[in-house]
Protein backbone atom coordinates (compact mmCIF):
# COMPACT_ATOMS: atom_id res chain seq x y z
CA MET A 1 -32.43 -7.25 -11.15
CA GLU A 2 -32.94 -4.05 -13.08
CA GLN A 3 -29.73 -3.09 -12.28
CA GLU A 4 -25.93 -3.64 -12.52
CA LYS A 5 -24.28 -5.03 -9.97
CA HIS A 6 -21.15 -6.21 -7.40
CA TYR A 7 -20.60 -7.93 -5.11
CA ARG A 8 -18.37 -6.06 -2.54
CA HIS A 9 -15.75 -6.17 0.13
CA GLU A 10 -17.06 -5.18 3.58
CA MET A 11 -15.06 -5.64 7.09
CA LYS A 12 -16.67 -4.87 10.06
CA PHE A 13 -15.03 -4.79 13.88
CA GLN A 14 -16.64 -3.80 16.98
CA ILE A 15 -14.03 -0.73 18.39
CA ALA A 16 -13.86 1.53 21.80
CA TYR A 17 -14.66 4.79 21.74
CA GLY A 18 -10.84 5.70 22.04
CA ASP A 19 -9.81 4.03 19.25
CA TYR A 20 -12.77 5.27 17.23
CA LEU A 21 -11.19 9.07 17.74
CA ALA A 22 -7.72 8.64 16.86
CA MET A 23 -8.99 6.09 13.63
CA ARG A 24 -11.88 8.90 12.89
CA ALA A 25 -8.52 12.33 13.12
CA ARG A 26 -6.71 10.03 10.66
CA LEU A 27 -9.37 9.28 7.89
CA ARG A 28 -10.09 12.67 8.09
CA THR A 29 -6.55 13.26 6.80
CA ILE A 30 -6.92 11.35 3.16
CA MET A 31 -11.05 11.24 2.74
CA THR A 32 -13.99 12.65 2.94
CA ALA A 33 -17.60 13.38 4.85
CA ASP A 34 -20.38 11.07 2.70
CA PRO A 35 -21.94 14.49 0.98
CA HIS A 36 -25.52 13.51 1.84
CA THR A 37 -24.78 13.81 5.62
CA SER A 38 -26.13 16.89 8.13
CA ALA A 39 -23.90 19.37 9.46
CA ASP A 40 -22.43 17.37 11.96
CA GLY A 41 -21.18 14.85 9.53
CA LEU A 42 -23.87 12.28 10.73
CA TYR A 43 -27.25 11.25 9.57
CA ARG A 44 -29.29 8.89 11.79
CA ILE A 45 -30.63 5.37 9.86
CA ARG A 46 -34.00 3.95 10.47
CA SER A 47 -34.51 -0.02 8.77
CA ILE A 48 -37.74 -2.01 9.15
CA TYR A 49 -36.24 -5.78 8.98
CA PHE A 50 -38.09 -8.62 7.79
CA ASP A 51 -37.57 -12.38 8.24
CA ASN A 52 -40.21 -15.84 8.59
CA ILE A 53 -42.33 -16.35 11.38
CA ASP A 54 -39.09 -19.23 11.73
CA ASP A 55 -36.78 -17.04 11.94
CA LYS A 56 -34.77 -18.46 8.63
CA ALA A 57 -32.82 -14.25 8.51
CA LEU A 58 -32.17 -14.60 11.79
CA ARG A 59 -30.98 -18.03 12.23
CA GLU A 60 -28.84 -17.89 8.84
CA LYS A 61 -26.88 -14.94 11.09
CA ASN A 62 -26.12 -16.59 14.07
CA ASN A 63 -24.91 -20.18 12.46
CA GLY A 64 -23.23 -17.86 10.12
CA ALA A 65 -24.55 -19.85 6.89
CA PRO A 66 -21.93 -18.67 3.95
CA LYS A 67 -24.81 -17.92 1.71
CA ARG A 68 -27.83 -15.35 2.72
CA GLU A 69 -29.45 -12.31 2.10
CA LYS A 70 -32.10 -10.51 4.06
CA PHE A 71 -35.13 -7.98 3.21
CA ARG A 72 -35.35 -4.25 4.49
CA ILE A 73 -37.18 -0.52 4.40
CA ARG A 74 -35.19 1.75 5.16
CA TYR A 75 -34.28 5.56 5.82
CA TYR A 76 -32.86 8.41 6.80
CA ASN A 77 -33.38 10.96 9.40
CA ASP A 78 -36.59 10.20 10.28
CA ASP A 79 -37.65 11.99 6.11
CA PHE A 80 -40.67 9.37 4.91
CA THR A 81 -40.22 10.95 1.76
CA PHE A 82 -37.12 8.74 0.35
CA ILE A 83 -37.66 4.97 1.70
CA THR A 84 -36.34 2.42 0.27
CA LEU A 85 -36.75 -1.30 0.39
CA GLU A 86 -33.55 -3.03 -0.35
CA LYS A 87 -32.02 -6.56 -0.16
CA LYS A 88 -28.58 -7.43 0.89
CA MET A 89 -27.34 -10.52 -0.14
CA LYS A 90 -24.40 -11.88 1.78
CA ILE A 91 -21.36 -15.06 0.62
CA ASP A 92 -18.56 -15.07 3.14
CA ASN A 93 -17.21 -11.46 3.13
CA LEU A 94 -19.15 -10.34 -0.11
CA CYS A 95 -21.94 -8.53 -0.03
CA LEU A 96 -24.22 -7.11 -2.76
CA LYS A 97 -27.58 -4.67 -1.88
CA TYR A 98 -30.39 -3.53 -4.34
CA ASP A 99 -32.85 -1.04 -3.53
CA ALA A 100 -35.86 0.22 -5.05
CA ARG A 101 -37.75 3.69 -4.44
CA ILE A 102 -40.92 2.69 -2.78
CA THR A 103 -43.77 5.97 -1.26
CA GLU A 104 -45.21 6.37 1.36
CA GLU A 105 -48.61 5.06 0.75
CA GLU A 106 -47.02 1.85 -1.01
CA CYS A 107 -45.00 1.63 2.83
CA ARG A 108 -47.73 1.98 5.00
CA LYS A 109 -49.80 -0.43 2.75
CA LEU A 110 -47.58 -2.92 2.84
CA LEU A 111 -46.79 -3.02 6.81
CA ALA A 112 -50.82 -2.78 6.88
CA GLY A 113 -50.81 -5.68 5.04
CA ASP A 114 -52.00 -4.75 1.96
CA ARG A 115 -49.95 -6.28 -0.54
CA SER A 116 -51.94 -5.92 -3.85
CA TRP A 117 -50.58 -2.87 -5.15
CA MET A 118 -46.91 -4.81 -5.42
CA LYS A 119 -48.03 -7.72 -7.83
CA GLU A 120 -47.52 -5.58 -11.48
CA HIS A 121 -45.70 -3.08 -9.48
CA PRO A 122 -42.70 -1.78 -12.32
CA SER A 123 -40.54 -2.87 -9.83
CA GLU A 124 -38.66 -6.26 -10.00
CA LEU A 125 -37.53 -6.54 -6.70
CA VAL A 126 -40.81 -5.33 -4.88
CA ARG A 127 -42.39 -8.05 -6.66
CA GLU A 128 -39.88 -10.17 -5.28
CA LEU A 129 -40.82 -8.87 -1.88
CA TYR A 130 -44.19 -9.71 -2.94
CA ALA A 131 -43.75 -12.96 -4.26
CA LYS A 132 -41.57 -14.31 -0.91
CA MET A 133 -44.59 -12.55 1.65
CA ASN A 134 -46.21 -14.93 -0.01
CA TYR A 135 -44.89 -18.23 -0.46
CA GLN A 136 -41.86 -17.84 2.66
CA ARG A 137 -44.28 -15.99 5.00
CA ILE A 138 -41.77 -13.15 5.65
CA LYS A 139 -43.28 -10.14 6.93
CA PRO A 140 -41.74 -6.43 9.05
CA ARG A 141 -40.17 -7.59 12.31
CA VAL A 142 -38.16 -4.88 14.13
CA LEU A 143 -37.05 -1.85 13.73
CA VAL A 144 -33.40 -1.19 13.60
CA SER A 145 -31.80 2.55 14.24
CA TYR A 146 -28.10 3.85 14.84
CA VAL A 147 -26.68 6.92 14.21
CA ARG A 148 -23.68 6.57 10.93
CA GLU A 149 -20.91 8.78 10.47
CA PRO A 150 -19.80 8.09 7.01
CA TYR A 151 -16.28 8.51 4.46
CA ILE A 152 -15.09 7.79 1.23
CA TYR A 153 -12.34 7.55 -0.72
CA ARG A 154 -12.42 7.77 -4.32
CA ALA A 155 -9.38 4.66 -5.49
CA GLY A 156 -11.01 1.78 -5.00
CA ASN A 157 -14.22 2.59 -4.47
CA VAL A 158 -13.92 2.67 -0.39
CA ARG A 159 -16.46 3.57 1.94
CA VAL A 160 -15.68 3.72 6.11
CA THR A 161 -18.75 4.42 8.40
CA PHE A 162 -18.65 4.61 11.65
CA ASP A 163 -21.66 3.49 13.70
CA SER A 164 -23.66 4.59 16.71
CA GLU A 165 -26.23 3.95 19.20
CA VAL A 166 -27.91 1.16 17.87
CA ARG A 167 -31.22 0.66 19.21
CA THR A 168 -34.60 -1.75 18.83
CA THR A 169 -38.23 -0.86 19.29
CA LEU A 170 -38.45 -4.63 21.26
CA TYR A 171 -41.16 -6.13 20.78
CA GLN A 172 -43.42 -2.78 18.55
CA GLN A 173 -44.82 -3.33 15.39
CA GLU A 174 -45.65 -0.19 15.25
CA PHE A 175 -43.49 0.91 12.21
CA LEU A 176 -43.11 4.42 9.80
CA THR A 177 -44.17 6.13 13.07
CA GLU A 178 -42.99 10.33 13.91
CA HIS A 179 -41.67 9.02 17.59
CA VAL A 180 -40.09 5.77 18.53
CA ASP A 181 -40.07 4.45 21.49
CA ASP A 182 -36.30 2.93 21.56
CA VAL A 183 -33.98 0.95 23.62
CA SER A 184 -30.30 0.10 22.85
CA ALA A 185 -29.59 -2.77 21.56
CA THR A 186 -25.74 -3.23 23.04
CA ASP A 187 -25.02 -3.62 26.78
CA THR A 188 -21.44 -1.19 25.24
CA PRO A 189 -23.81 1.70 23.27
CA GLN A 190 -20.41 4.01 24.06
CA ASP A 191 -18.96 1.73 20.66
CA ARG A 192 -17.83 1.73 17.50
CA ILE A 193 -19.51 -0.33 14.73
CA LEU A 194 -16.55 0.75 12.36
CA GLU A 195 -17.72 -1.02 8.63
CA VAL A 196 -15.08 -1.11 5.92
CA LYS A 197 -16.89 -1.33 2.19
CA TYR A 198 -14.33 -1.03 -1.21
CA ASP A 199 -14.59 -2.37 -4.70
CA ARG A 200 -11.51 -5.54 -5.52
CA PHE A 201 -8.57 -4.07 -3.30
CA LEU A 202 -8.24 -1.57 -0.40
CA PRO A 203 -5.67 1.22 -0.84
CA GLU A 204 -2.56 -0.30 1.47
CA ILE A 205 -2.82 3.91 3.26
CA ILE A 206 -6.24 3.11 4.27
CA GLN A 207 -5.20 -0.84 5.48
CA ASP A 208 -2.58 0.99 7.73
CA ILE A 209 -4.88 3.74 9.40
CA ILE A 210 -7.91 0.68 10.57
CA GLN A 211 -5.18 -1.47 11.43
CA VAL A 212 -5.83 -0.79 15.80
CA PRO A 213 -3.96 -3.12 18.17
CA GLY A 214 -6.69 -5.41 19.70
CA ILE A 215 -9.26 -5.08 17.06
CA ARG A 216 -10.55 -8.05 15.57
CA GLN A 217 -12.71 -8.26 12.25
CA GLN A 218 -16.24 -9.79 12.81
CA ALA A 219 -19.49 -10.82 11.75
CA PHE A 220 -21.02 -7.81 13.86
CA SER A 221 -25.21 -7.35 13.29
CA LYS A 222 -27.32 -4.86 13.72
CA TYR A 223 -30.52 -6.83 12.58
CA GLY A 224 -28.95 -9.63 15.08
CA ALA A 225 -28.57 -7.51 17.87
CA CYS A 226 -31.64 -5.59 17.71
CA ARG A 227 -33.79 -9.29 17.88
CA ARG A 228 -31.44 -10.58 20.94
CA PHE A 229 -34.99 -9.32 23.44
CA GLY A 230 -37.28 -11.73 21.03
């Protein structure tokens, strides 16, 4: 691929609101807020996930396949001037992500079914998606939205995020719109999805903070949650 990348460890937990508040207070004493957030320390993420007609990505996730990949288009705070195409690969609890910038015009062409521009695109990732849209028949399936509160810690290249308000557009196939009609994708919208990503080691001080009685690591999938309705 175009970028030198390496797999990172990834852990996920679903935590109650009270545990989130306590954990966040402790993390803030040692971690710093991501500089890309707004004044409230948050940003909204919207991702258009791809899958094929047989729901390959969804089935692999639900079946716990140890090795899998999925494509998505992502933008932040409803800003269409910065859009990325991403490919996320997972092997058990290790993850690897490749990304490439695409323009709003290119994105709208893709969503409208015009793939002609992709074949000779300078990005290898765009060309790979073009090929897989042809021979694997993958296509945009659902819009996944949520609010993220991210923190970073330099040692170990640690990133801790709290995600909330996970929402889905159900059967709607209109993407990249100014107004999004969506509904909650979870039965407990007040909960937070805690994600911890790091390189080779997780500093002990962070390990101690995230060890909350009663929570357990789980393979929560926002894409899976947002496909629960179809």
